[in-house]
Amino acid sequence: MNSDILLIGPIGSGKTTIAELLHIRTMLPHRSMDLLRWKYFDEIGYDRETARQKFVTEGFWGLYRYWKPFEAYAVQRMLADFSECIFDFGGSQTVYEDDVLFEQVRKAFEPYPHVILLMPSPDIEESIHILHARNKYASEEQWAVNEHFVRHHSNYDLAKHIAYTQGNPPEQTADEILQWVRANGWTYQRW
């Protein structure tokens, strides 16, 4: 687990971009929860019609609430299925209002020393403004959900390190993350 790097953060924080750069620099496989989650959701009975109805009747927040147990399960399964990877978790997959679900994810993350939260700025309001600008095609409701991700304690509680990205090219952020993980026990050897 010392070779794994877990990237978390709100929507638009740069997780996938940084994960790809870390993959290039380390040759570790990049595992994206956004690509793998549906397989895991289906394992425990995800119902697309129920999800659609939640979205139609309750909006994005209703869909978000429906996803939460499936996301907690998917996080645990992905970490069990893969090792020696760069893990890239979607914006909602590490934020939990339900204490039981959060505890499941916290326990799954606990053995991993290199959990990096990507945020634009140490200033929460500035981060929200930057993320809204990056996600300019999102709906008002999606912006509100992402603002919730920035303000909620979950990502901060899970993270072992916070990488602030504003003003830095992605390559610099990736290099800073590698510098931090190497200084904190990262043991992967490429060759």
C-alpha atoms as a PDB file:
ATOM      1  CA  MET A   1       0.000   0.000   0.000  1.00  0.00           C
ATOM      2  CA  ASN A   2       3.027   2.248   0.227  1.00  0.00           C
ATOM      3  CA  SER A   3       3.138   2.422  -3.571  1.00  0.00           C
ATOM      4  CA  ASP A   4      -0.516   3.435  -4.022  1.00  0.00           C
ATOM      5  CA  ILE A   5      -1.490   7.090  -4.437  1.00  0.00           C
ATOM      6  CA  LEU A   6      -5.146   8.016  -3.848  1.00  0.00           C
ATOM      7  CA  LEU A   7      -6.425  11.279  -5.332  1.00  0.00           C
ATOM      8  CA  ILE A   8      -9.602  12.805  -3.920  1.00  0.00           C
ATOM      9  CA  GLY A   9     -11.354  16.147  -4.227  1.00  0.00           C
ATOM     10  CA  PRO A  10     -14.350  17.993  -5.602  1.00  0.00           C
ATOM     11  CA  ILE A  11     -15.471  17.926  -9.222  1.00  0.00           C
ATOM     12  CA  GLY A  12     -13.048  19.822 -11.446  1.00  0.00           C
ATOM     13  CA  SER A  13     -10.148  19.792  -8.991  1.00  0.00           C
ATOM     14  CA  GLY A  14      -7.853  18.041 -11.490  1.00  0.00           C
ATOM     15  CA  LYS A  15      -7.823  14.477 -10.177  1.00  0.00           C
ATOM     16  CA  THR A  16      -7.924  12.729 -13.550  1.00  0.00           C
ATOM     17  CA  THR A  17      -5.374  15.064 -15.136  1.00  0.00           C
ATOM     18  CA  ILE A  18      -2.970  14.656 -12.208  1.00  0.00           C
ATOM     19  CA  ALA A  19      -3.542  10.882 -12.126  1.00  0.00           C
ATOM     20  CA  GLU A  20      -2.548  10.626 -15.789  1.00  0.00           C
ATOM     21  CA  LEU A  21       0.594  12.686 -15.171  1.00  0.00           C
ATOM     22  CA  LEU A  22       1.491  10.538 -12.157  1.00  0.00           C
ATOM     23  CA  HIS A  23       0.943   7.440 -14.287  1.00  0.00           C
ATOM     24  CA  ILE A  24       3.380   8.777 -16.901  1.00  0.00           C
ATOM     25  CA  ARG A  25       5.970   9.641 -14.238  1.00  0.00           C
ATOM     26  CA  THR A  26       5.706   6.391 -12.257  1.00  0.00           C
ATOM     27  CA  MET A  27       4.339   3.817 -14.725  1.00  0.00           C
ATOM     28  CA  LEU A  28       1.782   2.838 -12.074  1.00  0.00           C
ATOM     29  CA  PRO A  29      -1.620   2.031 -13.595  1.00  0.00           C
ATOM     30  CA  HIS A  30      -4.296   4.721 -13.327  1.00  0.00           C
ATOM     31  CA  ARG A  31      -7.591   3.420 -11.917  1.00  0.00           C
ATOM     32  CA  SER A  32     -10.499   5.833 -12.281  1.00  0.00           C
ATOM     33  CA  MET A  33     -13.577   5.250 -10.151  1.00  0.00           C
ATOM     34  CA  ASP A  34     -15.649   7.234 -12.639  1.00  0.00           C
ATOM     35  CA  LEU A  35     -14.925   4.479 -15.188  1.00  0.00           C
ATOM     36  CA  LEU A  36     -15.244   1.485 -12.850  1.00  0.00           C
ATOM     37  CA  ARG A  37     -18.106   2.425 -10.550  1.00  0.00           C
ATOM     38  CA  TRP A  38     -21.005   1.092 -12.631  1.00  0.00           C
ATOM     39  CA  LYS A  39     -19.638  -2.450 -12.491  1.00  0.00           C
ATOM     40  CA  TYR A  40     -19.459  -2.225  -8.702  1.00  0.00           C
ATOM     41  CA  PHE A  41     -22.851  -0.517  -8.410  1.00  0.00           C
ATOM     42  CA  ASP A  42     -24.433  -3.376 -10.377  1.00  0.00           C
ATOM     43  CA  GLU A  43     -22.949  -5.966  -7.995  1.00  0.00           C
ATOM     44  CA  ILE A  44     -25.244  -4.757  -5.219  1.00  0.00           C
ATOM     45  CA  GLY A  45     -28.404  -4.067  -7.161  1.00  0.00           C
ATOM     46  CA  TYR A  46     -28.118  -0.574  -8.597  1.00  0.00           C
ATOM     47  CA  ASP A  47     -31.339   0.191 -10.453  1.00  0.00           C
ATOM     48  CA  ARG A  48     -31.031   2.672 -13.303  1.00  0.00           C
ATOM     49  CA  GLU A  49     -34.787   3.236 -13.419  1.00  0.00           C
ATOM     50  CA  THR A  50     -34.852   4.116  -9.718  1.00  0.00           C
ATOM     51  CA  ALA A  51     -31.910   6.461 -10.303  1.00  0.00           C
ATOM     52  CA  ARG A  52     -33.719   8.100 -13.213  1.00  0.00           C
ATOM     53  CA  GLN A  53     -36.870   8.556 -11.133  1.00  0.00           C
ATOM     54  CA  LYS A  54     -34.855  10.064  -8.278  1.00  0.00           C
ATOM     55  CA  PHE A  55     -33.329  12.530 -10.712  1.00  0.00           C
ATOM     56  CA  VAL A  56     -36.678  13.422 -12.301  1.00  0.00           C
ATOM     57  CA  THR A  57     -38.546  13.855  -9.013  1.00  0.00           C
ATOM     58  CA  GLU A  58     -35.809  15.082  -6.652  1.00  0.00           C
ATOM     59  CA  GLY A  59     -33.167  16.538  -8.970  1.00  0.00           C
ATOM     60  CA  PHE A  60     -29.437  15.982  -8.738  1.00  0.00           C
ATOM     61  CA  TRP A  61     -29.549  15.923  -4.907  1.00  0.00           C
ATOM     62  CA  GLY A  62     -31.969  12.984  -4.996  1.00  0.00           C
ATOM     63  CA  LEU A  63     -29.740  11.084  -7.394  1.00  0.00           C
ATOM     64  CA  TYR A  64     -26.711  11.936  -5.236  1.00  0.00           C
ATOM     65  CA  ARG A  65     -28.411  10.524  -2.122  1.00  0.00           C
ATOM     66  CA  TYR A  66     -29.393   7.356  -4.005  1.00  0.00           C
ATOM     67  CA  TRP A  67     -25.786   6.835  -5.105  1.00  0.00           C
ATOM     68  CA  LYS A  68     -24.213   7.047  -1.635  1.00  0.00           C
ATOM     69  CA  PRO A  69     -24.449   3.375  -0.481  1.00  0.00           C
ATOM     70  CA  PHE A  70     -23.342   2.238  -3.932  1.00  0.00           C
ATOM     71  CA  GLU A  71     -20.390   4.622  -3.867  1.00  0.00           C
ATOM     72  CA  ALA A  72     -19.212   3.462  -0.444  1.00  0.00           C
ATOM     73  CA  TYR A  73     -19.334  -0.130  -1.668  1.00  0.00           C
ATOM     74  CA  ALA A  74     -17.540   0.756  -4.918  1.00  0.00           C
ATOM     75  CA  VAL A  75     -14.718   2.546  -3.062  1.00  0.00           C
ATOM     76  CA  GLN A  76     -14.109  -0.509  -0.908  1.00  0.00           C
ATOM     77  CA  ARG A  77     -14.254  -2.890  -3.884  1.00  0.00           C
ATOM     78  CA  MET A  78     -11.899  -0.862  -6.063  1.00  0.00           C
ATOM     79  CA  LEU A  79      -9.306  -0.693  -3.293  1.00  0.00           C
ATOM     80  CA  ALA A  80      -9.659  -4.458  -2.754  1.00  0.00           C
ATOM     81  CA  ASP A  81      -9.405  -5.245  -6.480  1.00  0.00           C
ATOM     82  CA  PHE A  82      -6.308  -3.225  -7.357  1.00  0.00           C
ATOM     83  CA  SER A  83      -2.907  -2.434  -5.888  1.00  0.00           C
ATOM     84  CA  GLU A  84       0.189  -0.510  -6.941  1.00  0.00           C
ATOM     85  CA  CYS A  85      -1.990   2.092  -8.661  1.00  0.00           C
ATOM     86  CA  ILE A  86      -2.827   5.727  -8.940  1.00  0.00           C
ATOM     87  CA  PHE A  87      -6.442   5.824  -7.737  1.00  0.00           C
ATOM     88  CA  ASP A  88      -8.655   8.657  -8.975  1.00  0.00           C
ATOM     89  CA  PHE A  89     -11.932   8.984  -7.059  1.00  0.00           C
ATOM     90  CA  GLY A  90     -14.839  11.009  -8.417  1.00  0.00           C
ATOM     91  CA  GLY A  91     -15.968  14.134  -6.605  1.00  0.00           C
ATOM     92  CA  SER A  92     -18.855  12.486  -4.756  1.00  0.00           C
ATOM     93  CA  GLN A  93     -17.196   9.175  -3.934  1.00  0.00           C
ATOM     94  CA  THR A  94     -15.382  10.414  -0.839  1.00  0.00           C
ATOM     95  CA  VAL A  95     -18.057  12.680   0.677  1.00  0.00           C
ATOM     96  CA  TYR A  96     -20.595  11.081   3.040  1.00  0.00           C
ATOM     97  CA  GLU A  97     -23.272  12.664   5.188  1.00  0.00           C
ATOM     98  CA  ASP A  98     -24.150   9.273   6.699  1.00  0.00           C
ATOM     99  CA  ASP A  99     -21.668   8.455   9.476  1.00  0.00           C
ATOM    100  CA  VAL A 100     -21.904   4.687   8.887  1.00  0.00           C
ATOM    101  CA  LEU A 101     -21.013   5.019   5.197  1.00  0.00           C
ATOM    102  CA  PHE A 102     -18.255   7.508   5.964  1.00  0.00           C
ATOM    103  CA  GLU A 103     -16.770   5.125   8.530  1.00  0.00           C
ATOM    104  CA  GLN A 104     -16.734   2.309   5.947  1.00  0.00           C
ATOM    105  CA  VAL A 105     -14.792   4.493   3.526  1.00  0.00           C
ATOM    106  CA  ARG A 106     -12.520   5.862   6.265  1.00  0.00           C
ATOM    107  CA  LYS A 107     -11.592   2.299   7.273  1.00  0.00           C
ATOM    108  CA  ALA A 108     -10.930   1.374   3.645  1.00  0.00           C
ATOM    109  CA  PHE A 109      -8.619   4.410   3.280  1.00  0.00           C
ATOM    110  CA  GLU A 110      -6.916   3.980   6.652  1.00  0.00           C
ATOM    111  CA  PRO A 111      -4.034   1.714   5.547  1.00  0.00           C
ATOM    112  CA  TYR A 112      -3.094   4.029   2.675  1.00  0.00           C
ATOM    113  CA  PRO A 113      -0.483   6.637   3.637  1.00  0.00           C
ATOM    114  CA  HIS A 114      -0.681   8.637   0.402  1.00  0.00           C
ATOM    115  CA  VAL A 115      -4.197  10.081   0.196  1.00  0.00           C
ATOM    116  CA  ILE A 116      -3.979  13.444  -1.558  1.00  0.00           C
ATOM    117  CA  LEU A 117      -6.809  15.984  -1.557  1.00  0.00           C
ATOM    118  CA  LEU A 118      -6.647  18.287  -4.579  1.00  0.00           C
ATOM    119  CA  MET A 119      -8.062  21.755  -3.957  1.00  0.00           C
ATOM    120  CA  PRO A 120      -7.546  24.961  -5.915  1.00  0.00           C
ATOM    121  CA  SER A 121      -6.807  27.113  -2.862  1.00  0.00           C
ATOM    122  CA  PRO A 122      -6.570  26.983   0.936  1.00  0.00           C
ATOM    123  CA  ASP A 123      -9.357  29.593   0.908  1.00  0.00           C
ATOM    124  CA  ILE A 124     -12.685  27.743   0.672  1.00  0.00           C
ATOM    125  CA  GLU A 125     -14.551  30.628  -0.969  1.00  0.00           C
ATOM    126  CA  GLU A 126     -11.826  31.071  -3.562  1.00  0.00           C
ATOM    127  CA  SER A 127     -11.836  27.311  -4.242  1.00  0.00           C
ATOM    128  CA  ILE A 128     -15.594  27.371  -4.807  1.00  0.00           C
ATOM    129  CA  HIS A 129     -15.277  30.333  -7.191  1.00  0.00           C
ATOM    130  CA  ILE A 130     -12.467  28.637  -9.158  1.00  0.00           C
ATOM    131  CA  LEU A 131     -14.316  25.325  -9.393  1.00  0.00           C
ATOM    132  CA  HIS A 132     -17.500  27.064 -10.575  1.00  0.00           C
ATOM    133  CA  ALA A 133     -15.459  28.723 -13.333  1.00  0.00           C
ATOM    134  CA  ARG A 134     -13.896  25.381 -14.338  1.00  0.00           C
ATOM    135  CA  ASN A 135     -17.313  23.687 -14.414  1.00  0.00           C
ATOM    136  CA  LYS A 136     -19.032  26.444 -16.382  1.00  0.00           C
ATOM    137  CA  TYR A 137     -21.434  24.034 -18.117  1.00  0.00           C
ATOM    138  CA  ALA A 138     -22.719  22.533 -14.866  1.00  0.00           C
ATOM    139  CA  SER A 139     -26.202  23.355 -13.646  1.00  0.00           C
ATOM    140  CA  GLU A 140     -26.823  25.528 -10.583  1.00  0.00           C
ATOM    141  CA  GLU A 141     -27.759  22.362  -8.703  1.00  0.00           C
ATOM    142  CA  GLN A 142     -24.495  20.644  -9.696  1.00  0.00           C
ATOM    143  CA  TRP A 143     -22.583  23.738  -8.564  1.00  0.00           C
ATOM    144  CA  ALA A 144     -24.369  23.539  -5.209  1.00  0.00           C
ATOM    145  CA  VAL A 145     -23.446  19.864  -4.852  1.00  0.00           C
ATOM    146  CA  ASN A 146     -19.816  20.612  -5.686  1.00  0.00           C
ATOM    147  CA  GLU A 147     -19.789  23.489  -3.189  1.00  0.00           C
ATOM    148  CA  HIS A 148     -21.022  20.947  -0.635  1.00  0.00           C
ATOM    149  CA  PHE A 149     -18.039  18.720  -1.528  1.00  0.00           C
ATOM    150  CA  VAL A 150     -15.661  21.625  -0.854  1.00  0.00           C
ATOM    151  CA  ARG A 151     -17.222  22.537   2.489  1.00  0.00           C
ATOM    152  CA  HIS A 152     -17.892  19.029   3.846  1.00  0.00           C
ATOM    153  CA  HIS A 153     -15.438  17.488   6.307  1.00  0.00           C
ATOM    154  CA  SER A 154     -15.127  14.072   4.617  1.00  0.00           C
ATOM    155  CA  ASN A 155     -12.319  14.821   2.156  1.00  0.00           C
ATOM    156  CA  TYR A 156     -10.354  16.764   4.765  1.00  0.00           C
ATOM    157  CA  ASP A 157     -10.702  13.890   7.242  1.00  0.00           C
ATOM    158  CA  LEU A 158      -9.593  11.284   4.689  1.00  0.00           C
ATOM    159  CA  ALA A 159      -6.638  13.231   3.272  1.00  0.00           C
ATOM    160  CA  LYS A 160      -3.094  12.789   4.495  1.00  0.00           C
ATOM    161  CA  HIS A 161      -1.961  15.771   2.407  1.00  0.00           C
ATOM    162  CA  ILE A 162      -3.635  18.651   0.557  1.00  0.00           C
ATOM    163  CA  ALA A 163      -2.195  19.798  -2.773  1.00  0.00           C
ATOM    164  CA  TYR A 164      -3.280  23.292  -3.809  1.00  0.00           C
ATOM    165  CA  THR A 165      -3.381  23.674  -7.576  1.00  0.00           C
ATOM    166  CA  GLN A 166      -4.280  27.295  -8.347  1.00  0.00           C
ATOM    167  CA  GLY A 167      -1.587  29.065 -10.335  1.00  0.00           C
ATOM    168  CA  ASN A 168       0.384  25.882 -10.959  1.00  0.00           C
ATOM    169  CA  PRO A 169       0.466  23.960 -14.213  1.00  0.00           C
ATOM    170  CA  PRO A 170      -0.692  20.344 -13.712  1.00  0.00           C
ATOM    171  CA  GLU A 171       2.857  19.084 -14.281  1.00  0.00           C
ATOM    172  CA  GLN A 172       4.098  21.120 -11.320  1.00  0.00           C
ATOM    173  CA  THR A 173       1.302  19.800  -9.092  1.00  0.00           C
ATOM    174  CA  ALA A 174       2.123  16.217 -10.111  1.00  0.00           C
ATOM    175  CA  ASP A 175       5.807  16.791  -9.342  1.00  0.00           C
ATOM    176  CA  GLU A 176       4.958  18.326  -5.954  1.00  0.00           C
ATOM    177  CA  ILE A 177       2.784  15.316  -5.118  1.00  0.00           C
ATOM    178  CA  LEU A 178       5.588  12.935  -6.072  1.00  0.00           C
ATOM    179  CA  GLN A 179       7.998  14.919  -3.932  1.00  0.00           C
ATOM    180  CA  TRP A 180       5.586  14.699  -0.967  1.00  0.00           C
ATOM    181  CA  VAL A 181       4.901  10.958  -1.313  1.00  0.00           C
ATOM    182  CA  ARG A 182       8.614  10.187  -1.659  1.00  0.00           C
ATOM    183  CA  ALA A 183       9.308  12.170   1.514  1.00  0.00           C
ATOM    184  CA  ASN A 184       6.548  10.210   3.256  1.00  0.00           C
ATOM    185  CA  GLY A 185       7.485   6.585   2.693  1.00  0.00           C
ATOM    186  CA  TRP A 186       6.510   5.976  -0.923  1.00  0.00           C
ATOM    187  CA  THR A 187       8.376   2.790  -1.900  1.00  0.00           C
ATOM    188  CA  TYR A 188       7.477   1.962  -5.500  1.00  0.00           C
ATOM    189  CA  GLN A 189      10.406   1.164  -7.777  1.00  0.00           C
ATOM    190  CA  ARG A 190       9.694   1.520 -11.495  1.00  0.00           C
ATOM    191  CA  TRP A 191      12.480  -0.786 -12.676  1.00  0.00           C
END
